[in-house]
Amino acid sequence: LPEPIHLDLVVEDEKIVEAIPSIGFVHRGLEGLVTKKDFNQMTY
């Protein structure tokens, strides 16, 4: 994995029955920065 993602793999022997994803390890609040940066600065 080049980036963090977590999967809970439900397995029977070596066979996968279900995969449950869990994300949120690198949340950075980029969409909230609109309150601090003007619309031109938001480009970057």
ModelCIF file with pLDDT and N, C-alpha, C, O atoms, coordinates in Angstrom:
data_MODEL
#
_entry.id   MODEL 
#
_entity.id                         1 
_entity.type                       polymer 
_entity.pdbx_number_of_molecules   1 
#
_entity_poly.entity_id                      1 
_entity_poly.type                           'polypeptide(L)' 
_entity_poly.nstd_linkage                   no 
_entity_poly.nstd_monomer                   no 
_entity_poly.pdbx_seq_one_letter_code       LPEPIHLDLVVEDEKIVEAIPSIGFVHRGLEGLVTKKDFNQMTY 
_entity_poly.pdbx_seq_one_letter_code_can   LPEPIHLDLVVEDEKIVEAIPSIGFVHRGLEGLVTKKDFNQMTY 
_entity_poly.pdbx_strand_id                 A 
#
loop_
_entity_poly_seq.entity_id 
_entity_poly_seq.num 
_entity_poly_seq.mon_id 
_entity_poly_seq.hetero 
1 1  LEU n 
1 2  PRO n 
1 3  GLU n 
1 4  PRO n 
1 5  ILE n 
1 6  HIS n 
1 7  LEU n 
1 8  ASP n 
1 9  LEU n 
1 10 VAL n 
1 11 VAL n 
1 12 GLU n 
1 13 ASP n 
1 14 GLU n 
1 15 LYS n 
1 16 ILE n 
1 17 VAL n 
1 18 GLU n 
1 19 ALA n 
1 20 ILE n 
1 21 PRO n 
1 22 SER n 
1 23 ILE n 
1 24 GLY n 
1 25 PHE n 
1 26 VAL n 
1 27 HIS n 
1 28 ARG n 
1 29 GLY n 
1 30 LEU n 
1 31 GLU n 
1 32 GLY n 
1 33 LEU n 
1 34 VAL n 
1 35 THR n 
1 36 LYS n 
1 37 LYS n 
1 38 ASP n 
1 39 PHE n 
1 40 ASN n 
1 41 GLN n 
1 42 MET n 
1 43 THR n 
1 44 TYR n 
#
_struct_asym.id          A 
_struct_asym.entity_id   1 
#
loop_
_ma_qa_metric.id 
_ma_qa_metric.mode 
_ma_qa_metric.name 
_ma_qa_metric.software_group_id 
_ma_qa_metric.type 
1 global pLDDT . pLDDT 
2 local  pLDDT . pLDDT 
#
_ma_qa_metric_global.metric_id      1 
_ma_qa_metric_global.metric_value   82.68 
_ma_qa_metric_global.model_id       1 
_ma_qa_metric_global.ordinal_id     1 
#
loop_
_ma_qa_metric_local.label_asym_id 
_ma_qa_metric_local.label_comp_id 
_ma_qa_metric_local.label_seq_id 
_ma_qa_metric_local.metric_id 
_ma_qa_metric_local.metric_value 
_ma_qa_metric_local.model_id 
_ma_qa_metric_local.ordinal_id 
A LEU 1  2 67.00 1 1  
A PRO 2  2 67.00 1 2  
A GLU 3  2 71.00 1 3  
A PRO 4  2 75.00 1 4  
A ILE 5  2 78.00 1 5  
A HIS 6  2 80.00 1 6  
A LEU 7  2 83.00 1 7  
A ASP 8  2 85.00 1 8  
A LEU 9  2 86.00 1 9  
A VAL 10 2 87.00 1 10 
A VAL 11 2 86.00 1 11 
A GLU 12 2 85.00 1 12 
A ASP 13 2 82.00 1 13 
A GLU 14 2 82.00 1 14 
A LYS 15 2 86.00 1 15 
A ILE 16 2 85.00 1 16 
A VAL 17 2 87.00 1 17 
A GLU 18 2 87.00 1 18 
A ALA 19 2 84.00 1 19 
A ILE 20 2 83.00 1 20 
A PRO 21 2 82.00 1 21 
A SER 22 2 78.00 1 22 
A ILE 23 2 74.00 1 23 
A GLY 24 2 72.00 1 24 
A PHE 25 2 72.00 1 25 
A VAL 26 2 73.00 1 26 
A HIS 27 2 75.00 1 27 
A ARG 28 2 76.00 1 28 
A GLY 29 2 79.00 1 29 
A LEU 30 2 81.00 1 30 
A GLU 31 2 81.00 1 31 
A GLY 32 2 82.00 1 32 
A LEU 33 2 87.00 1 33 
A VAL 34 2 86.00 1 34 
A THR 35 2 85.00 1 35 
A LYS 36 2 89.00 1 36 
A LYS 37 2 91.00 1 37 
A ASP 38 2 93.00 1 38 
A PHE 39 2 93.00 1 39 
A ASN 40 2 94.00 1 40 
A GLN 41 2 93.00 1 41 
A MET 42 2 92.00 1 42 
A THR 43 2 93.00 1 43 
A TYR 44 2 91.00 1 44 
#
loop_
_atom_site.group_PDB 
_atom_site.id 
_atom_site.type_symbol 
_atom_site.label_atom_id 
_atom_site.label_alt_id 
_atom_site.label_comp_id 
_atom_site.label_asym_id 
_atom_site.label_entity_id 
_atom_site.label_seq_id 
_atom_site.pdbx_PDB_ins_code 
_atom_site.Cartn_x 
_atom_site.Cartn_y 
_atom_site.Cartn_z 
_atom_site.occupancy 
_atom_site.B_iso_or_equiv 
_atom_site.pdbx_formal_charge 
_atom_site.auth_seq_id 
_atom_site.auth_comp_id 
_atom_site.auth_asym_id 
_atom_site.auth_atom_id 
_atom_site.pdbx_PDB_model_num 
ATOM 1   N N  . LEU A 1 1  ? 0.826   -1.210  0.000  1.00 67.00 ? 1  LEU A N  1 
ATOM 2   C CA . LEU A 1 1  ? 0.000   0.000   0.000  1.00 67.00 ? 1  LEU A CA 1 
ATOM 3   C C  . LEU A 1 1  ? 0.859   1.259   0.000  1.00 67.00 ? 1  LEU A C  1 
ATOM 4   O O  . LEU A 1 1  ? 1.619   1.479   0.943  1.00 67.00 ? 1  LEU A O  1 
ATOM 5   N N  . PRO A 1 2  ? 0.755   2.094   -1.045 1.00 67.00 ? 2  PRO A N  1 
ATOM 6   C CA . PRO A 1 2  ? 1.478   3.376   -1.027 1.00 67.00 ? 2  PRO A CA 1 
ATOM 7   C C  . PRO A 1 2  ? 0.862   4.384   -0.060 1.00 67.00 ? 2  PRO A C  1 
ATOM 8   O O  . PRO A 1 2  ? 1.525   5.328   0.370  1.00 67.00 ? 2  PRO A O  1 
ATOM 9   N N  . GLU A 1 3  ? -0.429  4.173   0.285  1.00 71.00 ? 3  GLU A N  1 
ATOM 10  C CA . GLU A 1 3  ? -1.137  5.062   1.197  1.00 71.00 ? 3  GLU A CA 1 
ATOM 11  C C  . GLU A 1 3  ? -1.975  4.217   2.152  1.00 71.00 ? 3  GLU A C  1 
ATOM 12  O O  . GLU A 1 3  ? -2.270  3.061   1.851  1.00 71.00 ? 3  GLU A O  1 
ATOM 13  N N  . PRO A 1 4  ? -2.363  4.780   3.301  1.00 75.00 ? 4  PRO A N  1 
ATOM 14  C CA . PRO A 1 4  ? -3.043  3.949   4.302  1.00 75.00 ? 4  PRO A CA 1 
ATOM 15  C C  . PRO A 1 4  ? -4.528  3.732   4.039  1.00 75.00 ? 4  PRO A C  1 
ATOM 16  O O  . PRO A 1 4  ? -5.300  4.684   3.928  1.00 75.00 ? 4  PRO A O  1 
ATOM 17  N N  . ILE A 1 5  ? -4.906  2.480   3.943  1.00 78.00 ? 5  ILE A N  1 
ATOM 18  C CA . ILE A 1 5  ? -6.312  2.083   3.941  1.00 78.00 ? 5  ILE A CA 1 
ATOM 19  C C  . ILE A 1 5  ? -6.403  0.783   4.743  1.00 78.00 ? 5  ILE A C  1 
ATOM 20  O O  . ILE A 1 5  ? -5.515  -0.065  4.658  1.00 78.00 ? 5  ILE A O  1 
ATOM 21  N N  . HIS A 1 6  ? -7.452  0.635   5.501  1.00 80.00 ? 6  HIS A N  1 
ATOM 22  C CA . HIS A 1 6  ? -7.611  -0.555  6.336  1.00 80.00 ? 6  HIS A CA 1 
ATOM 23  C C  . HIS A 1 6  ? -8.793  -1.365  5.827  1.00 80.00 ? 6  HIS A C  1 
ATOM 24  O O  . HIS A 1 6  ? -9.872  -0.823  5.585  1.00 80.00 ? 6  HIS A O  1 
ATOM 25  N N  . LEU A 1 7  ? -8.581  -2.667  5.666  1.00 83.00 ? 7  LEU A N  1 
ATOM 26  C CA . LEU A 1 7  ? -9.648  -3.581  5.288  1.00 83.00 ? 7  LEU A CA 1 
ATOM 27  C C  . LEU A 1 7  ? -9.754  -4.685  6.331  1.00 83.00 ? 7  LEU A C  1 
ATOM 28  O O  . LEU A 1 7  ? -8.758  -5.321  6.675  1.00 83.00 ? 7  LEU A O  1 
ATOM 29  N N  . ASP A 1 8  ? -10.951 -4.907  6.828  1.00 85.00 ? 8  ASP A N  1 
ATOM 30  C CA . ASP A 1 8  ? -11.202 -6.087  7.652  1.00 85.00 ? 8  ASP A CA 1 
ATOM 31  C C  . ASP A 1 8  ? -11.666 -7.194  6.720  1.00 85.00 ? 8  ASP A C  1 
ATOM 32  O O  . ASP A 1 8  ? -12.752 -7.111  6.147  1.00 85.00 ? 8  ASP A O  1 
ATOM 33  N N  . LEU A 1 9  ? -10.851 -8.227  6.566  1.00 86.00 ? 9  LEU A N  1 
ATOM 34  C CA . LEU A 1 9  ? -11.134 -9.317  5.645  1.00 86.00 ? 9  LEU A CA 1 
ATOM 35  C C  . LEU A 1 9  ? -11.725 -10.497 6.421  1.00 86.00 ? 9  LEU A C  1 
ATOM 36  O O  . LEU A 1 9  ? -11.065 -11.081 7.280  1.00 86.00 ? 9  LEU A O  1 
ATOM 37  N N  . VAL A 1 10 ? -12.966 -10.833 6.108  1.00 87.00 ? 10 VAL A N  1 
ATOM 38  C CA . VAL A 1 10 ? -13.605 -12.010 6.696  1.00 87.00 ? 10 VAL A CA 1 
ATOM 39  C C  . VAL A 1 10 ? -13.258 -13.198 5.808  1.00 87.00 ? 10 VAL A C  1 
ATOM 40  O O  . VAL A 1 10 ? -13.631 -13.225 4.635  1.00 87.00 ? 10 VAL A O  1 
ATOM 41  N N  . VAL A 1 11 ? -12.545 -14.182 6.360  1.00 86.00 ? 11 VAL A N  1 
ATOM 42  C CA . VAL A 1 11 ? -12.050 -15.295 5.546  1.00 86.00 ? 11 VAL A CA 1 
ATOM 43  C C  . VAL A 1 11 ? -12.523 -16.634 6.090  1.00 86.00 ? 11 VAL A C  1 
ATOM 44  O O  . VAL A 1 11 ? -12.720 -16.818 7.292  1.00 86.00 ? 11 VAL A O  1 
ATOM 45  N N  . GLU A 1 12 ? -12.697 -17.566 5.149  1.00 85.00 ? 12 GLU A N  1 
ATOM 46  C CA . GLU A 1 12 ? -12.888 -18.981 5.466  1.00 85.00 ? 12 GLU A CA 1 
ATOM 47  C C  . GLU A 1 12 ? -11.688 -19.711 4.874  1.00 85.00 ? 12 GLU A C  1 
ATOM 48  O O  . GLU A 1 12 ? -11.551 -19.796 3.653  1.00 85.00 ? 12 GLU A O  1 
ATOM 49  N N  . ASP A 1 13 ? -10.837 -20.227 5.719  1.00 82.00 ? 13 ASP A N  1 
ATOM 50  C CA . ASP A 1 13 ? -9.566  -20.799 5.277  1.00 82.00 ? 13 ASP A CA 1 
ATOM 51  C C  . ASP A 1 13 ? -8.789  -19.708 4.512  1.00 82.00 ? 13 ASP A C  1 
ATOM 52  O O  . ASP A 1 13 ? -8.405  -18.700 5.105  1.00 82.00 ? 13 ASP A O  1 
ATOM 53  N N  . GLU A 1 14 ? -8.559  -19.902 3.212  1.00 82.00 ? 14 GLU A N  1 
ATOM 54  C CA . GLU A 1 14 ? -7.831  -18.897 2.429  1.00 82.00 ? 14 GLU A CA 1 
ATOM 55  C C  . GLU A 1 14 ? -8.759  -18.071 1.534  1.00 82.00 ? 14 GLU A C  1 
ATOM 56  O O  . GLU A 1 14 ? -8.288  -17.236 0.762  1.00 82.00 ? 14 GLU A O  1 
ATOM 57  N N  . LYS A 1 15 ? -10.068 -18.298 1.632  1.00 86.00 ? 15 LYS A N  1 
ATOM 58  C CA . LYS A 1 15 ? -11.034 -17.598 0.789  1.00 86.00 ? 15 LYS A CA 1 
ATOM 59  C C  . LYS A 1 15 ? -11.617 -16.403 1.526  1.00 86.00 ? 15 LYS A C  1 
ATOM 60  O O  . LYS A 1 15 ? -11.980 -16.498 2.699  1.00 86.00 ? 15 LYS A O  1 
ATOM 61  N N  . ILE A 1 16 ? -11.703 -15.268 0.821  1.00 85.00 ? 16 ILE A N  1 
ATOM 62  C CA . ILE A 1 16 ? -12.299 -14.064 1.403  1.00 85.00 ? 16 ILE A CA 1 
ATOM 63  C C  . ILE A 1 16 ? -13.811 -14.106 1.196  1.00 85.00 ? 16 ILE A C  1 
ATOM 64  O O  . ILE A 1 16 ? -14.286 -14.300 0.077  1.00 85.00 ? 16 ILE A O  1 
ATOM 65  N N  . VAL A 1 17 ? -14.556 -13.925 2.269  1.00 87.00 ? 17 VAL A N  1 
ATOM 66  C CA . VAL A 1 17 ? -16.016 -13.929 2.213  1.00 87.00 ? 17 VAL A CA 1 
ATOM 67  C C  . VAL A 1 17 ? -16.557 -12.507 2.128  1.00 87.00 ? 17 VAL A C  1 
ATOM 68  O O  . VAL A 1 17 ? -17.544 -12.246 1.440  1.00 87.00 ? 17 VAL A O  1 
ATOM 69  N N  . GLU A 1 18 ? -15.902 -11.594 2.836  1.00 87.00 ? 18 GLU A N  1 
ATOM 70  C CA . GLU A 1 18 ? -16.363 -10.204 2.879  1.00 87.00 ? 18 GLU A CA 1 
ATOM 71  C C  . GLU A 1 18 ? -15.190 -9.295  3.188  1.00 87.00 ? 18 GLU A C  1 
ATOM 72  O O  . GLU A 1 18 ? -14.254 -9.683  3.887  1.00 87.00 ? 18 GLU A O  1 
ATOM 73  N N  . ALA A 1 19 ? -15.250 -8.066  2.654  1.00 84.00 ? 19 ALA A N  1 
ATOM 74  C CA . ALA A 1 19 ? -14.232 -7.054  2.943  1.00 84.00 ? 19 ALA A CA 1 
ATOM 75  C C  . ALA A 1 19 ? -14.921 -5.780  3.409  1.00 84.00 ? 19 ALA A C  1 
ATOM 76  O O  . ALA A 1 19 ? -15.812 -5.265  2.734  1.00 84.00 ? 19 ALA A O  1 
ATOM 77  N N  . ILE A 1 20 ? -14.503 -5.273  4.570  1.00 83.00 ? 20 ILE A N  1 
ATOM 78  C CA . ILE A 1 20 ? -15.111 -4.073  5.146  1.00 83.00 ? 20 ILE A CA 1 
ATOM 79  C C  . ILE A 1 20 ? -14.047 -2.985  5.209  1.00 83.00 ? 20 ILE A C  1 
ATOM 80  O O  . ILE A 1 20 ? -13.079 -3.116  5.958  1.00 83.00 ? 20 ILE A O  1 
ATOM 81  N N  . PRO A 1 21 ? -14.211 -1.898  4.426  1.00 82.00 ? 21 PRO A N  1 
ATOM 82  C CA . PRO A 1 21 ? -13.174 -0.865  4.389  1.00 82.00 ? 21 PRO A CA 1 
ATOM 83  C C  . PRO A 1 21 ? -13.281 0.116   5.552  1.00 82.00 ? 21 PRO A C  1 
ATOM 84  O O  . PRO A 1 21 ? -14.365 0.340   6.090  1.00 82.00 ? 21 PRO A O  1 
ATOM 85  N N  . SER A 1 22 ? -12.165 0.688   5.927  1.00 78.00 ? 22 SER A N  1 
ATOM 86  C CA . SER A 1 22 ? -12.125 1.738   6.940  1.00 78.00 ? 22 SER A CA 1 
ATOM 87  C C  . SER A 1 22 ? -11.114 2.777   6.486  1.00 78.00 ? 22 SER A C  1 
ATOM 88  O O  . SER A 1 22 ? -9.930  2.476   6.338  1.00 78.00 ? 22 SER A O  1 
ATOM 89  N N  . ILE A 1 23 ? -11.580 4.000   6.266  1.00 74.00 ? 23 ILE A N  1 
ATOM 90  C CA . ILE A 1 23 ? -10.689 5.069   5.815  1.00 74.00 ? 23 ILE A CA 1 
ATOM 91  C C  . ILE A 1 23 ? -10.701 6.197   6.841  1.00 74.00 ? 23 ILE A C  1 
ATOM 92  O O  . ILE A 1 23 ? -11.448 6.146   7.818  1.00 74.00 ? 23 ILE A O  1 
ATOM 93  N N  . GLY A 1 24 ? -9.883  7.201   6.619  1.00 72.00 ? 24 GLY A N  1 
ATOM 94  C CA . GLY A 1 24 ? -9.854  8.336   7.536  1.00 72.00 ? 24 GLY A CA 1 
ATOM 95  C C  . GLY A 1 24 ? -8.527  8.521   8.240  1.00 72.00 ? 24 GLY A C  1 
ATOM 96  O O  . GLY A 1 24 ? -8.447  9.256   9.223  1.00 72.00 ? 24 GLY A O  1 
ATOM 97  N N  . PHE A 1 25 ? -7.479  7.864   7.753  1.00 72.00 ? 25 PHE A N  1 
ATOM 98  C CA . PHE A 1 25 ? -6.188  7.936   8.426  1.00 72.00 ? 25 PHE A CA 1 
ATOM 99  C C  . PHE A 1 25 ? -5.401  9.191   8.066  1.00 72.00 ? 25 PHE A C  1 
ATOM 100 O O  . PHE A 1 25 ? -4.510  9.588   8.816  1.00 72.00 ? 25 PHE A O  1 
ATOM 101 N N  . VAL A 1 26 ? -5.710  9.823   6.935  1.00 73.00 ? 26 VAL A N  1 
ATOM 102 C CA . VAL A 1 26 ? -4.955  11.012  6.517  1.00 73.00 ? 26 VAL A CA 1 
ATOM 103 C C  . VAL A 1 26 ? -5.890  12.183  6.210  1.00 73.00 ? 26 VAL A C  1 
ATOM 104 O O  . VAL A 1 26 ? -5.608  12.995  5.328  1.00 73.00 ? 26 VAL A O  1 
ATOM 105 N N  . HIS A 1 27 ? -6.995  12.266  6.936  1.00 75.00 ? 27 HIS A N  1 
ATOM 106 C CA . HIS A 1 27 ? -7.929  13.378  6.719  1.00 75.00 ? 27 HIS A CA 1 
ATOM 107 C C  . HIS A 1 27 ? -7.246  14.703  7.075  1.00 75.00 ? 27 HIS A C  1 
ATOM 108 O O  . HIS A 1 27 ? -6.636  14.822  8.137  1.00 75.00 ? 27 HIS A O  1 
ATOM 109 N N  . ARG A 1 28 ? -7.351  15.703  6.179  1.00 76.00 ? 28 ARG A N  1 
ATOM 110 C CA . ARG A 1 28 ? -6.620  16.959  6.354  1.00 76.00 ? 28 ARG A CA 1 
ATOM 111 C C  . ARG A 1 28 ? -7.490  18.210  6.362  1.00 76.00 ? 28 ARG A C  1 
ATOM 112 O O  . ARG A 1 28 ? -6.976  19.320  6.502  1.00 76.00 ? 28 ARG A O  1 
ATOM 113 N N  . GLY A 1 29 ? -8.785  18.046  6.216  1.00 79.00 ? 29 GLY A N  1 
ATOM 114 C CA . GLY A 1 29 ? -9.686  19.187  6.286  1.00 79.00 ? 29 GLY A CA 1 
ATOM 115 C C  . GLY A 1 29 ? -9.523  20.191  5.167  1.00 79.00 ? 29 GLY A C  1 
ATOM 116 O O  . GLY A 1 29 ? -9.710  21.390  5.374  1.00 79.00 ? 29 GLY A O  1 
ATOM 117 N N  . LEU A 1 30 ? -9.171  19.709  3.970  1.00 81.00 ? 30 LEU A N  1 
ATOM 118 C CA . LEU A 1 30 ? -8.923  20.637  2.852  1.00 81.00 ? 30 LEU A CA 1 
ATOM 119 C C  . LEU A 1 30 ? -10.167 21.429  2.477  1.00 81.00 ? 30 LEU A C  1 
ATOM 120 O O  . LEU A 1 30 ? -10.071 22.599  2.109  1.00 81.00 ? 30 LEU A O  1 
ATOM 121 N N  . GLU A 1 31 ? -11.343 20.793  2.568  1.00 81.00 ? 31 GLU A N  1 
ATOM 122 C CA . GLU A 1 31 ? -12.555 21.486  2.142  1.00 81.00 ? 31 GLU A CA 1 
ATOM 123 C C  . GLU A 1 31 ? -12.955 22.589  3.117  1.00 81.00 ? 31 GLU A C  1 
ATOM 124 O O  . GLU A 1 31 ? -13.734 23.474  2.762  1.00 81.00 ? 31 GLU A O  1 
ATOM 125 N N  . GLY A 1 32 ? -12.430 22.544  4.343  1.00 82.00 ? 32 GLY A N  1 
ATOM 126 C CA . GLY A 1 32 ? -12.727 23.585  5.324  1.00 82.00 ? 32 GLY A CA 1 
ATOM 127 C C  . GLY A 1 32 ? -11.850 24.811  5.189  1.00 82.00 ? 32 GLY A C  1 
ATOM 128 O O  . GLY A 1 32 ? -12.118 25.837  5.813  1.00 82.00 ? 32 GLY A O  1 
ATOM 129 N N  . LEU A 1 33 ? -10.796 24.716  4.376  1.00 87.00 ? 33 LEU A N  1 
ATOM 130 C CA . LEU A 1 33 ? -9.874  25.841  4.236  1.00 87.00 ? 33 LEU A CA 1 
ATOM 131 C C  . LEU A 1 33 ? -10.455 26.999  3.433  1.00 87.00 ? 33 LEU A C  1 
ATOM 132 O O  . LEU A 1 33 ? -9.835  28.058  3.336  1.00 87.00 ? 33 LEU A O  1 
ATOM 133 N N  . VAL A 1 34 ? -11.652 26.805  2.851  1.00 86.00 ? 34 VAL A N  1 
ATOM 134 C CA . VAL A 1 34 ? -12.291 27.914  2.127  1.00 86.00 ? 34 VAL A CA 1 
ATOM 135 C C  . VAL A 1 34 ? -12.557 29.095  3.049  1.00 86.00 ? 34 VAL A C  1 
ATOM 136 O O  . VAL A 1 34 ? -12.699 30.223  2.577  1.00 86.00 ? 34 VAL A O  1 
ATOM 137 N N  . THR A 1 35 ? -12.628 28.856  4.351  1.00 85.00 ? 35 THR A N  1 
ATOM 138 C CA . THR A 1 35 ? -12.892 29.942  5.304  1.00 85.00 ? 35 THR A CA 1 
ATOM 139 C C  . THR A 1 35 ? -11.636 30.759  5.594  1.00 85.00 ? 35 THR A C  1 
ATOM 140 O O  . THR A 1 35 ? -11.722 31.852  6.154  1.00 85.00 ? 35 THR A O  1 
ATOM 141 N N  . LYS A 1 36 ? -10.463 30.232  5.215  1.00 89.00 ? 36 LYS A N  1 
ATOM 142 C CA . LYS A 1 36 ? -9.205  30.902  5.524  1.00 89.00 ? 36 LYS A CA 1 
ATOM 143 C C  . LYS A 1 36 ? -8.466  31.409  4.293  1.00 89.00 ? 36 LYS A C  1 
ATOM 144 O O  . LYS A 1 36 ? -7.657  32.331  4.391  1.00 89.00 ? 36 LYS A O  1 
ATOM 145 N N  . LYS A 1 37 ? -8.736  30.817  3.143  1.00 91.00 ? 37 LYS A N  1 
ATOM 146 C CA . LYS A 1 37 ? -8.061  31.209  1.906  1.00 91.00 ? 37 LYS A CA 1 
ATOM 147 C C  . LYS A 1 37 ? -9.085  31.732  0.909  1.00 91.00 ? 37 LYS A C  1 
ATOM 148 O O  . LYS A 1 37 ? -10.186 31.191  0.805  1.00 91.00 ? 37 LYS A O  1 
ATOM 149 N N  . ASP A 1 38 ? -8.722  32.798  0.166  1.00 93.00 ? 38 ASP A N  1 
ATOM 150 C CA . ASP A 1 38 ? -9.673  33.313  -0.816 1.00 93.00 ? 38 ASP A CA 1 
ATOM 151 C C  . ASP A 1 38 ? -9.731  32.387  -2.035 1.00 93.00 ? 38 ASP A C  1 
ATOM 152 O O  . ASP A 1 38 ? -8.970  31.424  -2.126 1.00 93.00 ? 38 ASP A O  1 
ATOM 153 N N  . PHE A 1 39 ? -10.642 32.687  -2.970 1.00 93.00 ? 39 PHE A N  1 
ATOM 154 C CA . PHE A 1 39 ? -10.899 31.738  -4.046 1.00 93.00 ? 39 PHE A CA 1 
ATOM 155 C C  . PHE A 1 39 ? -9.707  31.567  -4.979 1.00 93.00 ? 39 PHE A C  1 
ATOM 156 O O  . PHE A 1 39 ? -9.568  30.512  -5.598 1.00 93.00 ? 39 PHE A O  1 
ATOM 157 N N  . ASN A 1 40 ? -8.840  32.575  -5.097 1.00 94.00 ? 40 ASN A N  1 
ATOM 158 C CA . ASN A 1 40 ? -7.621  32.414  -5.906 1.00 94.00 ? 40 ASN A CA 1 
ATOM 159 C C  . ASN A 1 40 ? -6.588  31.548  -5.178 1.00 94.00 ? 40 ASN A C  1 
ATOM 160 O O  . ASN A 1 40 ? -5.961  30.682  -5.788 1.00 94.00 ? 40 ASN A O  1 
ATOM 161 N N  . GLN A 1 41 ? -6.415  31.780  -3.891 1.00 93.00 ? 41 GLN A N  1 
ATOM 162 C CA . GLN A 1 41 ? -5.472  30.974  -3.114 1.00 93.00 ? 41 GLN A CA 1 
ATOM 163 C C  . GLN A 1 41 ? -5.908  29.510  -3.048 1.00 93.00 ? 41 GLN A C  1 
ATOM 164 O O  . GLN A 1 41 ? -5.072  28.610  -2.965 1.00 93.00 ? 41 GLN A O  1 
ATOM 165 N N  . MET A 1 42 ? -7.219  29.279  -3.084 1.00 92.00 ? 42 MET A N  1 
ATOM 166 C CA . MET A 1 42 ? -7.731  27.913  -3.000 1.00 92.00 ? 42 MET A CA 1 
ATOM 167 C C  . MET A 1 42 ? -7.289  27.058  -4.185 1.00 92.00 ? 42 MET A C  1 
ATOM 168 O O  . MET A 1 42 ? -7.277  25.831  -4.090 1.00 92.00 ? 42 MET A O  1 
ATOM 169 N N  . THR A 1 43 ? -6.924  27.700  -5.309 1.00 93.00 ? 43 THR A N  1 
ATOM 170 C CA . THR A 1 43 ? -6.410  26.946  -6.460 1.00 93.00 ? 43 THR A CA 1 
ATOM 171 C C  . THR A 1 43 ? -5.247  26.065  -6.042 1.00 93.00 ? 43 THR A C  1 
ATOM 172 O O  . THR A 1 43 ? -5.157  24.909  -6.455 1.00 93.00 ? 43 THR A O  1 
ATOM 173 N N  . TYR A 1 44 ? -4.358  26.611  -5.223 1.00 91.00 ? 44 TYR A N  1 
ATOM 174 C CA . TYR A 1 44 ? -3.147  25.889  -4.825 1.00 91.00 ? 44 TYR A CA 1 
ATOM 175 C C  . TYR A 1 44 ? -3.429  24.918  -3.672 1.00 91.00 ? 44 TYR A C  1 
ATOM 176 O O  . TYR A 1 44 ? -2.520  24.228  -3.211 1.00 91.00 ? 44 TYR A O  1 
#
